[in-house]
């Protein structure tokens, strides 16, 4: 039976309970614990004092340790009985001090989260130390050597601070972007929180004072005026003559550029993953910044030149700008849905952009350079495909021939990029007729002949980026000398 009683006593000490003791006599407290744990406790007649304690969901043993250590009491086990005495009585019985030299300190947290405090203090406590955290009441009991308890108290004083909440109205940055950056520094470390108000473009930050300073600096660094660039483009179509049906000799164009007052700083082939006949050149007129007419004059040696478009488009830093010169083809596809007794036919119209497309994504740095991801494309409807989906229903879809390249290049503000080698063959109708007779209605058909031919063309694209501030007239700003523009952008 003694073994069974000892097991009952051990189980009783492990039972969890809540304590709300307000200036209660310590002897009455021992009686209360004995009844709750169904354990045997004998208290010495010299044990006196009063207890104030408020804990939830702690074991009876943890509560007993806190009460005894806080009141300079000792105890020993005699079978299944706990004998509680003063430290002096313990020394008289055993000739030595009670070995538990730990100190007890109970702190009620005001602001910090108990689980976060526990994780921090658990690293600081000694091997004989113990931490008891009550999540509901926010109480933390520190049981350790006096030196360790003092250190943990100092840490709690730092952690248990009132958080600040501030609302930041953003002028240029997007609230969602700022939130994603700050969340990794606040939410992940549980030192604060941030939420985004996208409607008003604001972020609300809650953090400790020191963390708030860090958040303010990060927001200030992100909420800067967005850089912009004006892209001046010119798209030239060269209808190649029979002598140059292989395309423009760009190496010769680069070599002859200086004869027209142009200074080309380099020419480059597109990456090997694309067609190797693409060429890109970077340069400018030493006096005016760029001289399209001089290049066009050189290109006229290879055939007829036509200006397809001269668009100018402004785009903010890091965003995509798209230029399309051509047409939108529409074709209809039919689908048939067959049920158990009936069938239905539905037609869908699909639109397809063909012609010359230019996609540019600029990145502007503080030194007046623009890094551009450039993706030119030349496409046209080459043929069509007809297929039958039912005895009396056919679909015809166009087959598109595409010439696509992509590269990334860095240029100085105001420098002109020339992209050549965008070749394509277009099917055309050629009409041969006798002068005068071929124009006669009805009878003229006997004096004219219509045949199909192939027109070989090459598209040349000029791109000149101008960094703009957005607060002055674009025309005035792009006409200023480069040095003045650089000074304004800084």
Protein backbone atom coordinates (compact mmCIF):
# COMPACT_ATOMS: atom_id res chain seq x y z
CA UNK A 1 0.00 0.00 0.00
CA UNK A 2 2.79 2.57 0.61
CA UNK A 3 3.78 2.31 -3.05
CA UNK A 4 0.24 3.01 -4.19
CA UNK A 5 -0.03 6.00 -1.83
CA UNK A 6 3.23 7.45 -3.18
CA UNK A 7 1.88 7.15 -6.74
CA UNK A 8 -1.31 8.95 -5.74
CA UNK A 9 0.69 11.76 -4.17
CA UNK A 10 2.80 12.15 -7.34
CA UNK A 11 -0.27 12.23 -9.54
CA UNK A 12 -1.85 14.81 -7.24
CA UNK A 13 1.12 17.15 -7.59
CA UNK A 14 0.78 17.00 -11.39
CA UNK A 15 -2.85 18.06 -11.40
CA UNK A 16 -3.55 21.46 -12.96
CA UNK A 17 -5.55 24.12 -11.25
CA UNK A 18 -6.27 27.86 -11.01
CA UNK A 19 -5.24 29.99 -8.04
CA UNK A 20 -6.71 33.30 -6.96
CA UNK A 21 -5.23 33.96 -3.51
CA UNK A 22 -5.47 37.43 -2.04
CA UNK A 23 -3.63 37.89 1.25
CA UNK A 24 -4.49 34.34 2.34
CA UNK A 25 -2.84 32.70 5.38
CA UNK A 26 -0.12 30.32 4.22
CA UNK A 27 -1.35 27.45 6.41
CA UNK A 28 -4.81 27.74 4.91
CA UNK A 29 -3.16 27.81 1.50
CA UNK A 30 -1.42 24.49 2.23
CA UNK A 31 -4.74 22.96 3.27
CA UNK A 32 -6.33 24.19 0.06
CA UNK A 33 -3.56 22.63 -2.07
CA UNK A 34 -3.80 19.35 -0.14
CA UNK A 35 -7.52 19.06 -0.84
CA UNK A 36 -7.14 20.00 -4.52
CA UNK A 37 -4.37 17.49 -5.13
CA UNK A 38 -5.63 14.79 -2.78
CA UNK A 39 -2.18 14.79 -1.16
CA UNK A 40 -0.89 14.82 2.42
CA UNK A 41 0.77 18.01 3.65
CA UNK A 42 1.98 18.65 7.21
CA UNK A 43 2.88 22.22 8.13
CA UNK A 44 5.27 23.09 10.98
CA UNK A 45 3.91 25.28 13.76
CA UNK A 46 6.58 27.89 13.00
CA UNK A 47 5.37 28.39 9.42
CA UNK A 48 3.62 31.75 9.17
CA UNK A 49 2.89 34.34 6.52
CA UNK A 50 0.34 35.36 3.98
CA UNK A 51 0.09 34.66 0.24
CA UNK A 52 -1.19 36.71 -2.72
CA UNK A 53 -1.14 34.78 -5.95
CA UNK A 54 -3.14 34.65 -9.17
CA UNK A 55 -2.35 31.83 -11.63
CA UNK A 56 -4.32 29.73 -14.11
CA UNK A 57 -3.67 26.29 -15.53
CA UNK A 58 -0.56 25.46 -13.43
CA UNK A 59 0.36 22.22 -11.67
CA UNK A 60 0.02 21.96 -7.90
CA UNK A 61 3.76 21.26 -7.67
CA UNK A 62 4.60 24.49 -9.56
CA UNK A 63 2.28 26.48 -7.31
CA UNK A 64 3.79 24.85 -4.19
CA UNK A 65 7.34 25.64 -5.34
CA UNK A 66 6.45 29.29 -5.95
CA UNK A 67 4.74 29.70 -2.56
CA UNK A 68 7.52 28.01 -0.54
CA UNK A 69 10.40 29.77 -2.28
CA UNK A 70 8.71 33.15 -2.11
CA UNK A 71 8.25 32.78 1.69
CA UNK A 72 11.69 31.29 2.55
CA UNK A 73 10.24 27.90 3.41
CA UNK A 74 11.56 24.41 2.85
CA UNK A 75 10.05 20.97 2.53
CA UNK A 76 10.95 17.29 2.43
CA UNK A 77 9.16 14.12 1.41
CA UNK A 78 8.50 11.48 4.04
CA UNK A 79 6.83 8.64 2.15
CA UNK A 80 3.66 10.05 0.71
CA UNK A 81 3.71 13.07 3.04
CA UNK A 82 5.12 16.52 2.27
CA UNK A 83 6.47 18.16 5.42
CA UNK A 84 6.62 21.96 5.11
CA UNK A 85 8.91 23.85 7.50
CA UNK A 86 10.98 27.00 7.83
CA UNK A 87 14.54 27.15 6.51
CA UNK A 88 15.91 27.31 10.08
CA UNK A 89 14.02 24.12 11.05
CA UNK A 90 15.40 22.40 7.95
CA UNK A 91 18.96 23.38 8.92
CA UNK A 92 18.49 22.13 12.49
CA UNK A 93 17.22 18.77 11.21
CA UNK A 94 19.79 18.19 8.47
CA UNK A 95 22.71 20.39 9.48
CA UNK A 96 22.68 22.25 6.16
CA UNK A 97 20.64 24.84 4.31
CA UNK A 98 17.77 23.88 2.07
CA UNK A 99 19.49 23.10 -1.26
CA UNK A 100 17.05 24.95 -3.46
CA UNK A 101 18.79 28.32 -3.73
CA UNK A 102 16.40 29.58 -6.40
CA UNK A 103 14.51 32.80 -6.20
CA UNK A 104 10.91 33.34 -7.26
CA UNK A 105 9.66 36.42 -9.09
CA UNK A 106 6.15 36.81 -10.50
CA UNK A 107 5.63 39.47 -13.16
CA UNK A 108 2.31 40.40 -14.75
CA UNK A 109 2.81 41.37 -18.37
CA UNK A 110 1.04 44.46 -19.65
CA UNK A 111 1.76 44.49 -23.38
CA UNK A 112 3.99 41.61 -24.48
CA UNK A 113 2.64 38.25 -25.60
CA UNK A 114 3.38 35.54 -22.99
CA UNK A 115 4.46 32.93 -25.57
CA UNK A 116 6.98 35.36 -27.12
CA UNK A 117 8.40 36.20 -23.69
CA UNK A 118 8.66 32.51 -22.81
CA UNK A 119 10.68 31.72 -25.94
CA UNK A 120 13.13 34.50 -25.11
CA UNK A 121 13.52 33.69 -21.41
CA UNK A 122 13.80 29.96 -21.99
CA UNK A 123 17.20 30.57 -23.57
CA UNK A 124 18.39 32.69 -20.62
CA UNK A 125 17.42 30.47 -17.67
CA UNK A 126 19.94 28.17 -15.99
CA UNK A 127 19.77 24.38 -15.81
CA UNK A 128 18.02 24.55 -12.43
CA UNK A 129 15.72 27.38 -13.57
CA UNK A 130 12.07 27.09 -14.39
CA UNK A 131 9.54 29.29 -16.17
CA UNK A 132 5.81 29.22 -15.64
CA UNK A 133 3.69 31.24 -18.07
CA UNK A 134 -0.05 31.71 -17.77
CA UNK A 135 -1.46 32.68 -21.19
CA UNK A 136 -4.83 33.86 -19.89
CA UNK A 137 -3.66 36.17 -17.11
CA UNK A 138 -0.37 37.19 -18.72
CA UNK A 139 1.58 36.24 -15.57
CA UNK A 140 5.16 34.96 -15.76
CA UNK A 141 6.79 33.19 -12.81
CA UNK A 142 10.59 33.20 -12.80
CA UNK A 143 12.25 30.50 -10.68
CA UNK A 144 16.04 30.63 -10.87
CA UNK A 145 19.18 31.90 -9.19
CA UNK A 146 19.05 35.56 -8.11
CA UNK A 147 21.50 36.52 -10.87
CA UNK A 148 19.47 34.82 -13.60
CA UNK A 149 16.18 36.23 -12.29
CA UNK A 150 17.67 39.74 -12.39
CA UNK A 151 18.76 39.26 -16.02
CA UNK A 152 15.34 37.92 -17.02
CA UNK A 153 13.62 40.84 -15.30
CA UNK A 154 15.72 43.26 -17.35
CA UNK A 155 14.77 41.44 -20.57
CA UNK A 156 11.08 41.53 -19.69
CA UNK A 157 11.34 45.28 -19.08
CA UNK A 158 12.54 45.65 -22.67
CA UNK A 159 9.96 43.30 -24.19
CA UNK A 160 6.96 44.48 -22.16
CA UNK A 161 6.64 47.92 -23.73
CA UNK A 162 3.59 49.64 -25.12
CA UNK A 163 3.42 49.39 -28.91
CA UNK A 164 2.94 52.48 -31.05
CA UNK A 165 0.45 52.65 -33.91
CA UNK A 166 0.98 55.07 -36.77
CA UNK A 167 -0.71 55.62 -40.10
CA UNK A 168 1.48 56.52 -43.06
CA UNK A 169 -0.07 58.13 -46.12
CA UNK A 170 1.97 57.14 -49.16
CA UNK A 171 2.60 59.58 -51.97
CA UNK A 172 4.24 57.38 -54.61
CA UNK A 173 4.61 53.77 -53.41
CA UNK A 174 1.72 51.29 -53.38
CA UNK A 175 0.37 50.31 -49.97
CA UNK A 176 0.36 46.61 -50.84
CA UNK A 177 4.03 46.70 -51.91
CA UNK A 178 5.10 48.46 -48.70
CA UNK A 179 3.10 46.01 -46.61
CA UNK A 180 4.79 42.96 -48.15
CA UNK A 181 8.26 44.37 -47.40
CA UNK A 182 7.56 45.40 -43.81
CA UNK A 183 5.61 42.25 -42.97
CA UNK A 184 8.78 40.17 -43.25
CA UNK A 185 10.42 42.36 -40.59
CA UNK A 186 7.47 42.82 -38.22
CA UNK A 187 4.92 40.01 -38.52
CA UNK A 188 7.49 37.25 -39.01
CA UNK A 189 9.39 38.25 -35.86
CA UNK A 190 6.17 38.97 -33.91
CA UNK A 191 7.46 42.43 -32.99
CA UNK A 192 4.58 44.28 -34.58
CA UNK A 193 2.06 44.21 -37.38
CA UNK A 194 1.25 46.12 -40.56
CA UNK A 195 -1.93 46.40 -42.59
CA UNK A 196 -2.61 48.11 -45.92
CA UNK A 197 -5.49 50.43 -46.77
CA UNK A 198 -5.42 50.24 -50.56
CA UNK A 199 -8.39 52.58 -51.02
CA UNK A 200 -6.57 55.50 -49.34
CA UNK A 201 -3.07 54.18 -50.17
CA UNK A 202 -2.06 54.08 -46.51
CA UNK A 203 -0.25 51.60 -44.27
CA UNK A 204 -1.00 51.20 -40.56
CA UNK A 205 2.01 50.06 -38.52
CA UNK A 206 1.96 48.78 -34.94
CA UNK A 207 5.38 48.18 -33.39
CA UNK A 208 7.70 48.88 -30.46
CA UNK A 209 9.21 52.38 -30.43
CA UNK A 210 12.58 51.17 -31.74
CA UNK A 211 10.95 49.06 -34.42
CA UNK A 212 8.73 52.00 -35.38
CA UNK A 213 11.84 54.07 -36.16
CA UNK A 214 13.09 51.29 -38.42
CA UNK A 215 9.68 51.07 -40.14
CA UNK A 216 9.65 54.84 -40.72
CA UNK A 217 13.06 54.69 -42.40
CA UNK A 218 11.99 51.80 -44.64
CA UNK A 219 8.78 53.56 -45.68
CA UNK A 220 10.69 56.77 -46.37
CA UNK A 221 13.11 54.86 -48.59
CA UNK A 222 10.32 53.17 -50.55
CA UNK A 223 7.94 56.13 -50.84
CA UNK A 224 10.02 58.10 -53.31
CA UNK A 225 8.95 59.92 -56.41
CA UNK A 226 8.66 57.40 -59.23
CA UNK A 227 11.07 57.97 -62.09
CA UNK A 228 9.63 58.21 -65.58
CA UNK A 229 11.00 57.89 -69.07
CA UNK A 230 9.67 59.21 -72.37
CA UNK A 231 10.28 56.75 -75.19
CA UNK A 232 10.54 58.38 -78.61
CA UNK A 233 10.17 55.71 -81.26
CA UNK A 234 10.27 55.71 -85.03
CA UNK A 235 9.35 52.64 -87.04
CA UNK A 236 10.66 52.58 -90.62
CA UNK A 237 9.72 50.02 -93.25
CA UNK A 238 12.31 49.36 -95.97
CA UNK A 239 11.00 47.65 -99.10
CA UNK A 240 14.16 45.95 -100.29
CA UNK A 241 15.16 46.23 -103.92
CA UNK A 242 16.07 43.15 -105.91
CA UNK A 243 19.79 43.85 -105.45
CA UNK A 244 19.46 43.67 -101.67
CA UNK A 245 16.85 40.96 -101.17
CA UNK A 246 19.16 39.41 -98.54
CA UNK A 247 18.62 42.41 -96.29
CA UNK A 248 20.44 45.52 -95.16
CA UNK A 249 24.18 45.30 -94.60
CA UNK A 250 24.25 46.72 -91.08
CA UNK A 251 28.01 46.43 -90.71
CA UNK A 252 28.33 48.82 -93.62
CA UNK A 253 25.75 51.16 -92.09
CA UNK A 254 27.71 51.34 -88.82
CA UNK A 255 30.97 52.01 -90.67
CA UNK A 256 29.42 54.84 -92.76
CA UNK A 257 27.64 56.42 -89.78
CA UNK A 258 30.44 58.89 -89.01
CA UNK A 259 30.21 60.33 -92.52
CA UNK A 260 26.76 61.64 -91.50
CA UNK A 261 27.93 63.16 -88.19
CA UNK A 262 26.81 60.17 -86.13
CA UNK A 263 28.81 58.69 -83.31
CA UNK A 264 27.92 55.04 -82.66
CA UNK A 265 29.31 53.72 -79.43
CA UNK A 266 28.74 50.09 -80.32
CA UNK A 267 26.73 47.46 -82.13
CA UNK A 268 25.65 44.11 -80.82
CA UNK A 269 24.11 40.88 -82.02
CA UNK A 270 21.00 39.61 -80.31
CA UNK A 271 21.38 36.55 -78.04
CA UNK A 272 22.11 33.28 -79.82
CA UNK A 273 18.71 31.93 -78.78
CA UNK A 274 17.12 34.21 -81.37
CA UNK A 275 17.76 34.60 -85.08
CA UNK A 276 21.36 35.65 -85.59
CA UNK A 277 20.58 38.33 -88.17
CA UNK A 278 19.15 40.73 -85.59
CA UNK A 279 21.39 43.70 -84.94
CA UNK A 280 21.20 46.52 -82.43
CA UNK A 281 23.22 49.70 -82.43
CA UNK A 282 23.61 52.49 -79.87
CA UNK A 283 24.63 56.00 -80.78
CA UNK A 284 23.66 59.60 -81.27
CA UNK A 285 24.26 62.68 -83.34
CA UNK A 286 27.07 64.60 -81.63
CA UNK A 287 25.14 67.87 -81.98
CA UNK A 288 21.42 67.18 -81.86
CA UNK A 289 21.21 63.97 -79.84
CA UNK A 290 19.83 61.86 -82.71
CA UNK A 291 19.47 62.18 -86.46
CA UNK A 292 16.86 59.90 -87.93
CA UNK A 293 17.06 61.52 -91.36
CA UNK A 294 20.74 60.62 -91.77
CA UNK A 295 20.07 56.94 -91.07
CA UNK A 296 17.02 56.94 -93.31
CA UNK A 297 19.14 58.41 -96.10
CA UNK A 298 21.56 55.52 -95.77
CA UNK A 299 18.71 53.03 -95.76
CA UNK A 300 17.35 54.41 -99.02
CA UNK A 301 20.31 52.79 -100.74
CA UNK A 302 18.67 49.43 -100.03
CA UNK A 303 15.17 50.24 -101.24
CA UNK A 304 12.09 52.36 -100.68
CA UNK A 305 11.62 53.64 -97.12
CA UNK A 306 8.28 54.36 -95.47
CA UNK A 307 7.63 55.82 -92.03
CA UNK A 308 5.08 53.47 -90.47
CA UNK A 309 4.74 55.35 -87.20
CA UNK A 310 6.50 57.84 -84.89
CA UNK A 311 4.93 57.27 -81.47
CA UNK A 312 6.10 58.81 -78.19
CA UNK A 313 5.03 57.14 -74.98
CA UNK A 314 5.79 57.93 -71.35
CA UNK A 315 6.13 55.08 -68.86
CA UNK A 316 7.05 54.94 -65.19
CA UNK A 317 10.04 53.04 -63.88
CA UNK A 318 9.71 49.26 -64.10
CA UNK A 319 6.40 49.24 -65.99
CA UNK A 320 5.82 47.86 -69.47
CA UNK A 321 5.22 50.07 -72.50
CA UNK A 322 3.70 48.55 -75.64
CA UNK A 323 3.53 49.97 -79.15
CA UNK A 324 1.55 48.22 -81.90
CA UNK A 325 1.59 49.35 -85.52
CA UNK A 326 -0.54 47.12 -87.71
CA UNK A 327 -4.02 45.73 -87.68
CA UNK A 328 -6.21 43.38 -85.72
CA UNK A 329 -7.34 40.28 -87.60
CA UNK A 330 -10.63 38.70 -86.64
CA UNK A 331 -11.66 35.13 -87.35
CA UNK A 332 -14.68 33.08 -86.36
CA UNK A 333 -14.57 29.56 -84.97
CA UNK A 334 -17.65 27.41 -84.55
CA UNK A 335 -18.25 24.76 -81.92
CA UNK A 336 -21.04 22.18 -81.82
CA UNK A 337 -22.40 20.79 -78.55
CA UNK A 338 -24.44 17.62 -78.93
CA UNK A 339 -26.92 16.50 -76.29
CA UNK A 340 -29.07 13.40 -75.98
CA UNK A 341 -31.77 14.77 -78.25
CA UNK A 342 -30.59 18.14 -79.55
CA UNK A 343 -27.39 19.88 -80.63
CA UNK A 344 -26.40 23.54 -80.50
CA UNK A 345 -23.95 25.56 -82.54
CA UNK A 346 -21.97 28.50 -81.10
CA UNK A 347 -19.67 30.91 -82.89
CA UNK A 348 -16.78 32.72 -81.23
CA UNK A 349 -14.86 35.68 -82.63
CA UNK A 350 -11.13 35.77 -81.87
CA UNK A 351 -8.96 38.84 -82.43
CA UNK A 352 -5.31 38.61 -83.38
CA UNK A 353 -2.84 41.53 -83.48
CA UNK A 354 -0.43 41.44 -86.42
CA UNK A 355 2.07 43.96 -87.74
CA UNK A 356 4.89 45.53 -85.75
CA UNK A 357 4.80 45.27 -81.97
CA UNK A 358 7.37 46.73 -79.62
CA UNK A 359 7.38 45.98 -75.88
CA UNK A 360 9.83 47.95 -73.73
CA UNK A 361 10.30 47.76 -69.95
CA UNK A 362 12.68 50.46 -68.63
CA UNK A 363 14.60 50.53 -65.33
CA UNK A 364 16.04 53.96 -64.48
CA UNK A 365 19.02 54.40 -62.16
CA UNK A 366 20.27 57.49 -60.34
CA UNK A 367 23.21 58.02 -62.72
CA UNK A 368 21.06 58.85 -65.73
CA UNK A 369 21.18 55.42 -67.35
CA UNK A 370 18.17 53.45 -68.56
CA UNK A 371 18.21 49.65 -68.65
CA UNK A 372 15.61 48.46 -71.13
CA UNK A 373 14.22 45.04 -71.81
CA UNK A 374 13.30 45.27 -75.48
CA UNK A 375 11.09 42.80 -77.31
CA UNK A 376 10.35 43.63 -80.97
CA UNK A 377 8.02 41.48 -83.05
CA UNK A 378 7.03 41.52 -86.70
CA UNK A 379 4.11 39.33 -87.73
CA UNK A 380 1.67 38.84 -90.58
CA UNK A 381 -0.96 36.33 -91.65
CA UNK A 382 0.96 33.92 -93.85
CA UNK A 383 -1.74 31.39 -94.70
CA UNK A 384 -4.80 29.73 -93.23
CA UNK A 385 -5.87 26.34 -91.99
CA UNK A 386 -9.31 24.92 -92.74
CA UNK A 387 -10.70 21.94 -90.87
CA UNK A 388 -14.12 20.34 -90.73
CA UNK A 389 -15.97 19.76 -87.45
CA UNK A 390 -19.25 18.55 -88.98
CA UNK A 391 -20.46 17.54 -92.46
CA UNK A 392 -21.63 21.06 -93.19
CA UNK A 393 -19.48 23.08 -90.76
CA UNK A 394 -15.85 24.10 -91.29
CA UNK A 395 -13.51 26.41 -89.42
CA UNK A 396 -10.78 28.52 -90.96
CA UNK A 397 -8.06 29.92 -88.72
CA UNK A 398 -5.14 32.11 -89.80
CA UNK A 399 -1.52 30.94 -89.60
CA UNK A 400 0.75 33.77 -88.45
CA UNK A 401 4.39 34.13 -89.37
CA UNK A 402 6.30 35.83 -86.54
CA UNK A 403 9.76 37.27 -86.18
CA UNK A 404 10.52 37.84 -82.50
CA UNK A 405 13.63 38.83 -80.56
CA UNK A 406 14.32 39.91 -76.98
CA UNK A 407 17.28 41.53 -75.28
CA UNK A 408 18.22 43.77 -72.35
CA UNK A 409 20.52 46.72 -72.85
CA UNK A 410 21.64 49.77 -70.86
CA UNK A 411 21.97 53.19 -72.46
CA UNK A 412 22.57 56.76 -71.36
CA UNK A 413 19.66 59.18 -71.23
CA UNK A 414 19.12 60.61 -74.72
CA UNK A 415 21.05 57.90 -76.62
CA UNK A 416 19.30 56.31 -79.60
CA UNK A 417 18.93 52.57 -80.05
CA UNK A 418 18.54 51.21 -83.58
CA UNK A 419 17.17 47.72 -84.07
CA UNK A 420 17.54 46.22 -87.50
CA UNK A 421 17.12 42.83 -89.12
CA UNK A 422 13.38 42.49 -88.52
CA UNK A 423 12.72 40.95 -91.91
CA UNK A 424 9.55 39.53 -93.34
CA UNK A 425 8.17 38.48 -96.71
CA UNK A 426 4.70 39.74 -97.58
CA UNK A 427 2.50 38.32 -100.30
CA UNK A 428 1.23 41.05 -102.65
CA UNK A 429 -0.88 41.20 -105.80
CA UNK A 430 0.89 42.59 -108.90
CA UNK A 431 -1.31 44.04 -111.69
CA UNK A 432 0.18 44.32 -115.23
CA UNK A 433 -1.90 46.20 -117.81
CA UNK A 434 -1.67 48.00 -121.10
CA UNK A 435 -1.80 51.78 -120.65
CA UNK A 436 -5.31 53.12 -121.27
CA UNK A 437 -6.84 49.85 -122.45
CA UNK A 438 -6.34 48.14 -119.09
CA UNK A 439 -8.51 50.76 -117.39
CA UNK A 440 -11.59 50.26 -119.59
CA UNK A 441 -14.50 48.80 -117.57
CA UNK A 442 -15.29 45.15 -118.36
CA UNK A 443 -13.21 45.09 -121.57
CA UNK A 444 -10.11 46.18 -119.65
CA UNK A 445 -9.93 42.75 -118.02
CA UNK A 446 -8.64 41.39 -121.38
CA UNK A 447 -5.72 43.89 -121.32
CA UNK A 448 -4.50 43.41 -117.75
CA UNK A 449 -3.02 40.55 -115.79
CA UNK A 450 -3.03 39.98 -112.02
CA UNK A 451 -0.39 37.80 -110.39
CA UNK A 452 0.88 37.18 -106.88
CA UNK A 453 4.34 38.24 -105.78
CA UNK A 454 6.48 38.43 -102.67
CA UNK A 455 7.64 41.75 -101.26
CA UNK A 456 10.76 41.51 -99.11
CA UNK A 457 10.81 44.09 -96.35
CA UNK A 458 12.87 44.93 -93.31
CA UNK A 459 11.62 46.87 -90.31
CA UNK A 460 13.99 49.28 -88.57
CA UNK A 461 13.12 50.57 -85.10
CA UNK A 462 14.61 53.67 -83.47
CA UNK A 463 14.17 54.15 -79.70
CA UNK A 464 15.40 57.19 -77.78
CA UNK A 465 14.73 57.26 -74.01
CA UNK A 466 14.46 60.59 -72.18
CA UNK A 467 14.31 60.60 -68.38
CA UNK A 468 11.58 63.05 -67.32
CA UNK A 469 10.51 64.40 -63.95
CA UNK A 470 6.78 64.68 -64.62
CA UNK A 471 6.47 68.20 -63.20
CA UNK A 472 7.59 70.19 -66.26
CA UNK A 473 6.54 70.23 -69.89
CA UNK A 474 7.84 67.08 -71.60
CA UNK A 475 8.76 68.91 -74.82
CA UNK A 476 10.80 71.51 -72.97
CA UNK A 477 12.56 68.91 -70.86
CA UNK A 478 13.59 66.64 -73.73
CA UNK A 479 15.00 69.60 -75.64
CA UNK A 480 17.27 70.66 -72.77
CA UNK A 481 20.96 69.65 -72.80
CA UNK A 482 21.67 66.30 -71.19
CA UNK A 483 23.67 67.86 -68.36
CA UNK A 484 20.72 70.02 -67.35
CA UNK A 485 18.33 67.05 -67.46
CA UNK A 486 20.69 65.01 -65.30
CA UNK A 487 20.92 67.83 -62.76
CA UNK A 488 17.10 68.10 -62.55
CA UNK A 489 16.63 64.36 -62.16
CA UNK A 490 19.00 64.36 -59.20
